[in-house]
C-alpha atoms as a PDB file:
ATOM      1  CA  UNK A   1     -65.923  47.031  46.546  1.00  0.00           C
ATOM      2  CA  UNK A   2     -67.103  50.202  46.287  1.00  0.00           C
ATOM      3  CA  UNK A   3     -68.521  49.777  49.634  1.00  0.00           C
ATOM      4  CA  UNK A   4     -65.353  48.118  50.795  1.00  0.00           C
ATOM      5  CA  UNK A   5     -63.551  51.789  49.679  1.00  0.00           C
ATOM      6  CA  UNK A   6     -65.971  54.217  51.370  1.00  0.00           C
ATOM      7  CA  UNK A   7     -66.101  51.650  54.550  1.00  0.00           C
ATOM      8  CA  UNK A   8     -61.882  52.618  54.161  1.00  0.00           C
ATOM      9  CA  UNK A   9     -62.206  56.162  53.228  1.00  0.00           C
ATOM     10  CA  UNK A  10     -64.802  56.476  56.286  1.00  0.00           C
ATOM     11  CA  UNK A  11     -62.329  54.652  58.891  1.00  0.00           C
ATOM     12  CA  UNK A  12     -59.299  56.341  57.405  1.00  0.00           C
ATOM     13  CA  UNK A  13     -61.153  59.741  58.453  1.00  0.00           C
ATOM     14  CA  UNK A  14     -62.145  58.731  61.893  1.00  0.00           C
ATOM     15  CA  UNK A  15     -59.413  57.664  62.915  1.00  0.00           C
ATOM     16  CA  UNK A  16     -56.996  61.059  61.860  1.00  0.00           C
ATOM     17  CA  UNK A  17     -59.744  62.873  63.142  1.00  0.00           C
ATOM     18  CA  UNK A  18     -59.909  61.229  66.409  1.00  0.00           C
ATOM     19  CA  UNK A  19     -56.239  61.225  66.504  1.00  0.00           C
ATOM     20  CA  UNK A  20     -56.534  65.426  65.576  1.00  0.00           C
ATOM     21  CA  UNK A  21     -58.506  65.649  68.562  1.00  0.00           C
ATOM     22  CA  UNK A  22     -56.366  63.872  70.511  1.00  0.00           C
ATOM     23  CA  UNK A  23     -52.651  65.561  69.648  1.00  0.00           C
ATOM     24  CA  UNK A  24     -53.255  68.391  67.494  1.00  0.00           C
ATOM     25  CA  UNK A  25     -54.214  69.029  63.626  1.00  0.00           C
ATOM     26  CA  UNK A  26     -50.425  70.122  63.341  1.00  0.00           C
ATOM     27  CA  UNK A  27     -49.254  66.931  64.722  1.00  0.00           C
ATOM     28  CA  UNK A  28     -51.442  64.455  63.160  1.00  0.00           C
ATOM     29  CA  UNK A  29     -50.258  66.174  60.119  1.00  0.00           C
ATOM     30  CA  UNK A  30     -46.222  65.781  60.943  1.00  0.00           C
ATOM     31  CA  UNK A  31     -46.971  61.627  62.141  1.00  0.00           C
ATOM     32  CA  UNK A  32     -49.207  61.386  58.775  1.00  0.00           C
ATOM     33  CA  UNK A  33     -45.529  62.763  57.290  1.00  0.00           C
ATOM     34  CA  UNK A  34     -43.484  60.837  58.998  1.00  0.00           C
ATOM     35  CA  UNK A  35     -45.280  57.553  58.855  1.00  0.00           C
ATOM     36  CA  UNK A  36     -46.016  57.587  54.654  1.00  0.00           C
ATOM     37  CA  UNK A  37     -42.065  58.494  54.733  1.00  0.00           C
ATOM     38  CA  UNK A  38     -41.042  55.893  57.109  1.00  0.00           C
ATOM     39  CA  UNK A  39     -43.428  53.321  54.657  1.00  0.00           C
ATOM     40  CA  UNK A  40     -41.619  54.584  51.862  1.00  0.00           C
ATOM     41  CA  UNK A  41     -38.047  53.859  53.118  1.00  0.00           C
ATOM     42  CA  UNK A  42     -39.218  50.277  54.128  1.00  0.00           C
ATOM     43  CA  UNK A  43     -40.856  49.846  50.265  1.00  0.00           C
ATOM     44  CA  UNK A  44     -37.590  50.999  48.887  1.00  0.00           C
ATOM     45  CA  UNK A  45     -35.967  48.169  51.042  1.00  0.00           C
ATOM     46  CA  UNK A  46     -38.113  45.770  50.582  1.00  0.00           C
ATOM     47  CA  UNK A  47     -38.690  46.145  47.016  1.00  0.00           C
ATOM     48  CA  UNK A  48     -35.695  45.543  46.314  1.00  0.00           C
ATOM     49  CA  UNK A  49     -35.383  42.562  48.679  1.00  0.00           C
ATOM     50  CA  UNK A  50     -37.785  41.330  46.803  1.00  0.00           C
ATOM     51  CA  UNK A  51     -36.173  41.778  42.811  1.00  0.00           C
ATOM     52  CA  UNK A  52     -33.074  40.410  44.269  1.00  0.00           C
ATOM     53  CA  UNK A  53     -34.699  37.311  45.315  1.00  0.00           C
ATOM     54  CA  UNK A  54     -36.746  36.712  42.196  1.00  0.00           C
ATOM     55  CA  UNK A  55     -33.879  36.813  40.636  1.00  0.00           C
ATOM     56  CA  UNK A  56     -32.079  34.400  42.114  1.00  0.00           C
ATOM     57  CA  UNK A  57     -35.285  31.987  41.898  1.00  0.00           C
ATOM     58  CA  UNK A  58     -34.899  32.539  38.311  1.00  0.00           C
ATOM     59  CA  UNK A  59     -31.173  31.708  38.239  1.00  0.00           C
ATOM     60  CA  UNK A  60     -31.894  29.172  40.263  1.00  0.00           C
ATOM     61  CA  UNK A  61     -34.469  27.625  38.220  1.00  0.00           C
ATOM     62  CA  UNK A  62     -36.863  27.770  41.039  1.00  0.00           C
ATOM     63  CA  UNK A  63     -40.542  28.023  41.261  1.00  0.00           C
ATOM     64  CA  UNK A  64     -40.522  32.180  41.787  1.00  0.00           C
ATOM     65  CA  UNK A  65     -44.038  31.683  43.256  1.00  0.00           C
ATOM     66  CA  UNK A  66     -43.538  32.900  46.531  1.00  0.00           C
ATOM     67  CA  UNK A  67     -41.196  35.919  45.194  1.00  0.00           C
ATOM     68  CA  UNK A  68     -43.669  36.451  42.827  1.00  0.00           C
ATOM     69  CA  UNK A  69     -46.287  37.010  45.647  1.00  0.00           C
ATOM     70  CA  UNK A  70     -43.746  38.776  47.507  1.00  0.00           C
ATOM     71  CA  UNK A  71     -43.870  41.428  44.315  1.00  0.00           C
ATOM     72  CA  UNK A  72     -47.401  41.618  44.254  1.00  0.00           C
ATOM     73  CA  UNK A  73     -47.557  42.111  48.287  1.00  0.00           C
ATOM     74  CA  UNK A  74     -45.087  44.852  48.295  1.00  0.00           C
ATOM     75  CA  UNK A  75     -46.887  46.642  44.792  1.00  0.00           C
ATOM     76  CA  UNK A  76     -50.318  46.713  47.156  1.00  0.00           C
ATOM     77  CA  UNK A  77     -48.125  47.819  50.413  1.00  0.00           C
ATOM     78  CA  UNK A  78     -47.006  51.031  47.722  1.00  0.00           C
ATOM     79  CA  UNK A  79     -50.504  51.328  46.887  1.00  0.00           C
ATOM     80  CA  UNK A  80     -51.291  51.845  50.476  1.00  0.00           C
ATOM     81  CA  UNK A  81     -48.660  53.794  51.742  1.00  0.00           C
ATOM     82  CA  UNK A  82     -50.199  56.352  48.912  1.00  0.00           C
ATOM     83  CA  UNK A  83     -53.387  56.206  50.540  1.00  0.00           C
ATOM     84  CA  UNK A  84     -54.149  59.374  53.255  1.00  0.00           C
ATOM     85  CA  UNK A  85     -54.748  57.778  56.498  1.00  0.00           C
ATOM     86  CA  UNK A  86     -53.504  55.839  59.099  1.00  0.00           C
ATOM     87  CA  UNK A  87     -55.123  53.008  59.131  1.00  0.00           C
ATOM     88  CA  UNK A  88     -53.689  52.099  55.440  1.00  0.00           C
ATOM     89  CA  UNK A  89     -50.616  52.925  56.660  1.00  0.00           C
ATOM     90  CA  UNK A  90     -50.764  50.465  59.399  1.00  0.00           C
ATOM     91  CA  UNK A  91     -51.491  47.893  57.141  1.00  0.00           C
ATOM     92  CA  UNK A  92     -49.143  49.199  54.784  1.00  0.00           C
ATOM     93  CA  UNK A  93     -46.329  48.886  57.093  1.00  0.00           C
ATOM     94  CA  UNK A  94     -47.731  45.203  58.262  1.00  0.00           C
ATOM     95  CA  UNK A  95     -47.583  44.430  54.526  1.00  0.00           C
ATOM     96  CA  UNK A  96     -43.277  45.777  54.118  1.00  0.00           C
ATOM     97  CA  UNK A  97     -42.315  43.679  57.596  1.00  0.00           C
ATOM     98  CA  UNK A  98     -41.530  40.150  56.155  1.00  0.00           C
ATOM     99  CA  UNK A  99     -42.905  37.658  58.791  1.00  0.00           C
ATOM    100  CA  UNK A 100     -46.655  39.544  58.337  1.00  0.00           C
ATOM    101  CA  UNK A 101     -45.814  39.111  54.394  1.00  0.00           C
ATOM    102  CA  UNK A 102     -44.906  35.635  54.761  1.00  0.00           C
ATOM    103  CA  UNK A 103     -48.395  34.950  56.217  1.00  0.00           C
ATOM    104  CA  UNK A 104     -50.184  36.380  53.895  1.00  0.00           C
ATOM    105  CA  UNK A 105     -48.419  34.748  51.140  1.00  0.00           C
ATOM    106  CA  UNK A 106     -49.077  31.538  51.881  1.00  0.00           C
ATOM    107  CA  UNK A 107     -52.474  31.947  52.391  1.00  0.00           C
ATOM    108  CA  UNK A 108     -52.677  34.062  49.073  1.00  0.00           C
ATOM    109  CA  UNK A 109     -50.753  31.241  47.467  1.00  0.00           C
ATOM    110  CA  UNK A 110     -53.093  28.208  49.182  1.00  0.00           C
ATOM    111  CA  UNK A 111     -55.942  30.382  47.915  1.00  0.00           C
ATOM    112  CA  UNK A 112     -54.718  30.156  44.221  1.00  0.00           C
ATOM    113  CA  UNK A 113     -53.799  26.953  44.095  1.00  0.00           C
ATOM    114  CA  UNK A 114     -57.011  25.534  45.539  1.00  0.00           C
ATOM    115  CA  UNK A 115     -59.089  27.984  42.941  1.00  0.00           C
ATOM    116  CA  UNK A 116     -57.168  25.973  39.964  1.00  0.00           C
ATOM    117  CA  UNK A 117     -57.445  22.991  41.753  1.00  0.00           C
ATOM    118  CA  UNK A 118     -61.260  23.894  41.311  1.00  0.00           C
ATOM    119  CA  UNK A 119     -60.637  25.022  37.232  1.00  0.00           C
ATOM    120  CA  UNK A 120     -58.694  22.167  35.919  1.00  0.00           C
ATOM    121  CA  UNK A 121     -60.996  20.558  33.831  1.00  0.00           C
ATOM    122  CA  UNK A 122     -58.150  17.814  33.395  1.00  0.00           C
ATOM    123  CA  UNK A 123     -55.497  15.701  35.383  1.00  0.00           C
ATOM    124  CA  UNK A 124     -52.046  15.523  33.848  1.00  0.00           C
ATOM    125  CA  UNK A 125     -51.236  11.828  34.598  1.00  0.00           C
ATOM    126  CA  UNK A 126     -48.021  11.379  32.386  1.00  0.00           C
ATOM    127  CA  UNK A 127     -45.933  13.432  29.891  1.00  0.00           C
ATOM    128  CA  UNK A 128     -42.785  13.309  28.266  1.00  0.00           C
ATOM    129  CA  UNK A 129     -40.787  16.017  26.907  1.00  0.00           C
ATOM    130  CA  UNK A 130     -39.437  15.551  22.704  1.00  0.00           C
ATOM    131  CA  UNK A 131     -37.114  17.513  21.915  1.00  0.00           C
ATOM    132  CA  UNK A 132     -36.550  18.016  17.903  1.00  0.00           C
ATOM    133  CA  UNK A 133     -33.940  16.303  15.819  1.00  0.00           C
ATOM    134  CA  UNK A 134     -31.795  19.289  14.428  1.00  0.00           C
ATOM    135  CA  UNK A 135     -30.909  17.168  11.141  1.00  0.00           C
ATOM    136  CA  UNK A 136     -34.162  15.107  10.569  1.00  0.00           C
ATOM    137  CA  UNK A 137     -34.488  13.084   7.826  1.00  0.00           C
ATOM    138  CA  UNK A 138     -36.671  14.208   5.439  1.00  0.00           C
ATOM    139  CA  UNK A 139     -38.331  12.281   2.148  1.00  0.00           C
ATOM    140  CA  UNK A 140     -39.955  13.674  -0.370  1.00  0.00           C
ATOM    141  CA  UNK A 141     -41.317  12.279  -3.572  1.00  0.00           C
ATOM    142  CA  UNK A 142     -44.413  11.849  -6.331  1.00  0.00           C
ATOM    143  CA  UNK A 143     -46.943  10.092  -6.632  1.00  0.00           C
ATOM    144  CA  UNK A 144     -49.002  10.733  -9.219  1.00  0.00           C
ATOM    145  CA  UNK A 145     -53.015   8.985  -8.694  1.00  0.00           C
ATOM    146  CA  UNK A 146     -53.864   6.724 -11.177  1.00  0.00           C
ATOM    147  CA  UNK A 147     -57.820   6.273 -11.463  1.00  0.00           C
END
């Protein structure tokens, strides 16, 4: 994980330096700020949509796993927007774009389902929910043991 983070940081630096050499330092800094600002605006908008979709799924009694995965991906996008650089901003904007996020969500949920299936030590064949009786019959007695 540390090596991956180091590689991402090196890629960010290399891309910023390369873009800075082509368009200039001030323009590069302004572009970084502009891309981050667009990311923050999209983050707010998509975050609110995700929260609304989660609330609607919960109210309707549907499985909210897709909405939960969207929330997780929006949070990852938020972290990427805060990370300075063009590579992370492009990845964040891709995660904030609904069709791209849906494709990533499908892969994430499929991976989670595979891991859960591999970890399950048993299979539920049949089950029944029994609701407790609000007025149960209670039998109290006292018995002396006679030896």
